[in-house]
């Protein structure tokens, strides 16, 4: 069995210098409250689909008249879900005549992506370090092995 060193992705000095992690320290109360509000808005499948439809639209914006038919919900219910996404800072809107056009706010989406990526990278490195530590024989185990072979 070969003894290869486990490479931990995302642990380069260049990674830390370029993009300091969001989880370099525990979240503050204000930061946690803001993220919780945003994640709560995404906790509903209808709102998640709405955000996906808006963010993936060519041109970056979509008319509410194009969103409503995609759901088996009333127009006031769709408007309520859109309002919650707006309050969470995920989308913005602009009224043009009788129609309202929605667009995703990339700053908020990028912030969420950075937070999630940092969380995932942190967990991956902890798992890798634990795995590596469990594979490294302790000094007492090595000496017993040496004595048994002698």
Protein backbone atom coordinates (compact mmCIF):
# COMPACT_ATOMS: atom_id res chain seq x y z
CA UNK A 1 0.00 0.00 0.00
CA UNK A 2 1.50 3.36 -0.96
CA UNK A 3 1.76 6.24 1.48
CA UNK A 4 0.60 9.21 -0.57
CA UNK A 5 0.09 12.60 0.96
CA UNK A 6 -3.50 13.74 0.84
CA UNK A 7 -3.85 17.00 -1.07
CA UNK A 8 -6.39 19.35 0.47
CA UNK A 9 -8.08 21.46 -2.16
CA UNK A 10 -8.47 25.16 -1.47
CA UNK A 11 -5.67 25.28 1.09
CA UNK A 12 -3.06 27.08 -1.03
CA UNK A 13 -1.57 30.26 0.34
CA UNK A 14 -2.70 31.94 -2.89
CA UNK A 15 -6.33 30.99 -2.21
CA UNK A 16 -6.31 32.68 1.19
CA UNK A 17 -4.54 35.77 -0.11
CA UNK A 18 -6.96 36.19 -3.01
CA UNK A 19 -10.27 35.46 -1.34
CA UNK A 20 -10.38 35.67 2.44
CA UNK A 21 -12.99 33.24 3.73
CA UNK A 22 -16.30 34.37 5.11
CA UNK A 23 -15.91 31.83 7.88
CA UNK A 24 -12.45 32.94 8.97
CA UNK A 25 -14.29 33.79 12.20
CA UNK A 26 -17.71 32.85 13.53
CA UNK A 27 -20.62 34.84 12.14
CA UNK A 28 -21.63 37.92 14.04
CA UNK A 29 -25.23 38.41 15.14
CA UNK A 30 -25.99 40.92 12.38
CA UNK A 31 -24.32 38.82 9.67
CA UNK A 32 -26.18 35.68 10.80
CA UNK A 33 -29.52 37.52 10.85
CA UNK A 34 -28.97 38.81 7.30
CA UNK A 35 -28.01 35.39 5.96
CA UNK A 36 -30.90 33.72 7.78
CA UNK A 37 -33.36 36.16 6.20
CA UNK A 38 -31.96 35.40 2.76
CA UNK A 39 -31.92 31.64 3.24
CA UNK A 40 -35.45 31.74 4.67
CA UNK A 41 -36.62 33.45 1.49
CA UNK A 42 -35.03 30.62 -0.51
CA UNK A 43 -36.61 27.97 1.72
CA UNK A 44 -39.80 27.83 -0.32
CA UNK A 45 -39.79 25.85 -3.59
CA UNK A 46 -41.92 28.44 -5.39
CA UNK A 47 -39.55 31.28 -4.44
CA UNK A 48 -36.53 29.18 -5.38
CA UNK A 49 -38.06 28.48 -8.81
CA UNK A 50 -38.97 32.15 -9.25
CA UNK A 51 -35.41 33.22 -8.47
CA UNK A 52 -34.07 30.59 -10.84
CA UNK A 53 -36.38 31.75 -13.64
CA UNK A 54 -35.41 35.38 -13.11
CA UNK A 55 -31.66 34.80 -12.78
CA UNK A 56 -31.45 32.49 -15.80
CA UNK A 57 -33.42 34.72 -18.14
CA UNK A 58 -31.52 36.06 -21.16
CA UNK A 59 -31.23 39.81 -20.84
CA UNK A 60 -31.28 39.58 -17.06
CA UNK A 61 -34.90 40.54 -16.46
CA UNK A 62 -38.33 39.03 -16.84
CA UNK A 63 -41.87 40.40 -16.85
CA UNK A 64 -44.22 39.20 -14.14
CA UNK A 65 -46.63 38.30 -16.96
CA UNK A 66 -44.10 35.61 -18.02
CA UNK A 67 -43.64 34.25 -14.48
CA UNK A 68 -47.24 33.76 -13.41
CA UNK A 69 -48.27 31.12 -16.03
CA UNK A 70 -45.41 28.84 -14.95
CA UNK A 71 -47.15 28.14 -11.63
CA UNK A 72 -50.49 26.73 -10.61
CA UNK A 73 -50.94 29.66 -8.21
CA UNK A 74 -52.93 32.87 -8.30
CA UNK A 75 -51.31 36.13 -9.37
CA UNK A 76 -51.54 37.63 -5.83
CA UNK A 77 -49.69 34.58 -4.43
CA UNK A 78 -46.91 34.97 -7.03
CA UNK A 79 -46.71 38.68 -6.16
CA UNK A 80 -46.38 37.79 -2.48
CA UNK A 81 -43.49 35.40 -3.19
CA UNK A 82 -41.79 38.04 -5.36
CA UNK A 83 -42.22 40.60 -2.58
CA UNK A 84 -40.45 38.26 -0.11
CA UNK A 85 -37.58 37.76 -2.57
CA UNK A 86 -37.34 41.55 -2.96
CA UNK A 87 -37.33 42.08 0.81
CA UNK A 88 -34.52 39.53 1.15
CA UNK A 89 -32.47 41.53 -1.35
CA UNK A 90 -32.33 38.76 -3.94
CA UNK A 91 -34.24 40.57 -6.70
CA UNK A 92 -35.28 44.07 -7.65
CA UNK A 93 -38.06 45.31 -9.89
CA UNK A 94 -39.07 48.17 -12.14
CA UNK A 95 -42.58 49.12 -13.18
CA UNK A 96 -43.05 49.82 -16.88
CA UNK A 97 -46.60 50.84 -17.61
CA UNK A 98 -48.88 48.14 -16.25
CA UNK A 99 -46.15 45.45 -16.05
CA UNK A 100 -43.43 44.90 -13.49
CA UNK A 101 -40.04 43.57 -14.62
CA UNK A 102 -37.83 41.63 -12.19
CA UNK A 103 -34.08 41.15 -12.20
CA UNK A 104 -31.74 39.22 -9.92
CA UNK A 105 -29.23 41.15 -7.82
CA UNK A 106 -25.86 39.55 -8.55
CA UNK A 107 -24.17 41.05 -5.47
CA UNK A 108 -26.46 39.14 -3.12
CA UNK A 109 -26.23 35.93 -5.15
CA UNK A 110 -22.41 36.23 -5.21
CA UNK A 111 -22.36 36.78 -1.44
CA UNK A 112 -24.44 33.63 -0.90
CA UNK A 113 -22.25 31.64 -3.28
CA UNK A 114 -19.11 32.81 -1.47
CA UNK A 115 -20.59 31.89 1.89
CA UNK A 116 -21.66 28.45 0.71
CA UNK A 117 -18.36 27.79 -1.06
CA UNK A 118 -16.38 28.84 2.01
CA UNK A 119 -18.53 26.62 4.23
CA UNK A 120 -18.10 23.66 1.88
CA UNK A 121 -14.33 24.21 1.53
CA UNK A 122 -13.98 24.47 5.30
CA UNK A 123 -15.89 21.21 5.85
CA UNK A 124 -13.92 19.43 3.13
CA UNK A 125 -10.58 20.45 4.64
CA UNK A 126 -11.71 19.36 8.13
CA UNK A 127 -12.80 15.96 6.77
CA UNK A 128 -9.52 15.57 4.88
CA UNK A 129 -7.46 16.49 7.94
CA UNK A 130 -9.40 14.02 10.10
CA UNK A 131 -8.97 11.33 7.46
CA UNK A 132 -5.25 12.01 7.18
CA UNK A 133 -4.81 11.93 10.96
CA UNK A 134 -6.56 8.57 11.21
CA UNK A 135 -4.26 7.08 8.56
CA UNK A 136 -1.03 8.31 10.18
CA UNK A 137 0.27 5.65 12.59
CA UNK A 138 0.98 6.85 16.11
CA UNK A 139 4.53 6.53 17.48
CA UNK A 140 3.46 3.75 19.86
CA UNK A 141 1.92 1.77 17.00
CA UNK A 142 5.08 2.18 14.91
CA UNK A 143 7.37 0.97 17.72
CA UNK A 144 5.18 -2.09 18.36
CA UNK A 145 5.26 -2.92 14.65
CA UNK A 146 9.06 -2.54 14.60
CA UNK A 147 9.45 -4.80 17.67
CA UNK A 148 7.19 -7.46 16.14
CA UNK A 149 9.24 -7.59 12.93
CA UNK A 150 12.59 -7.74 14.79
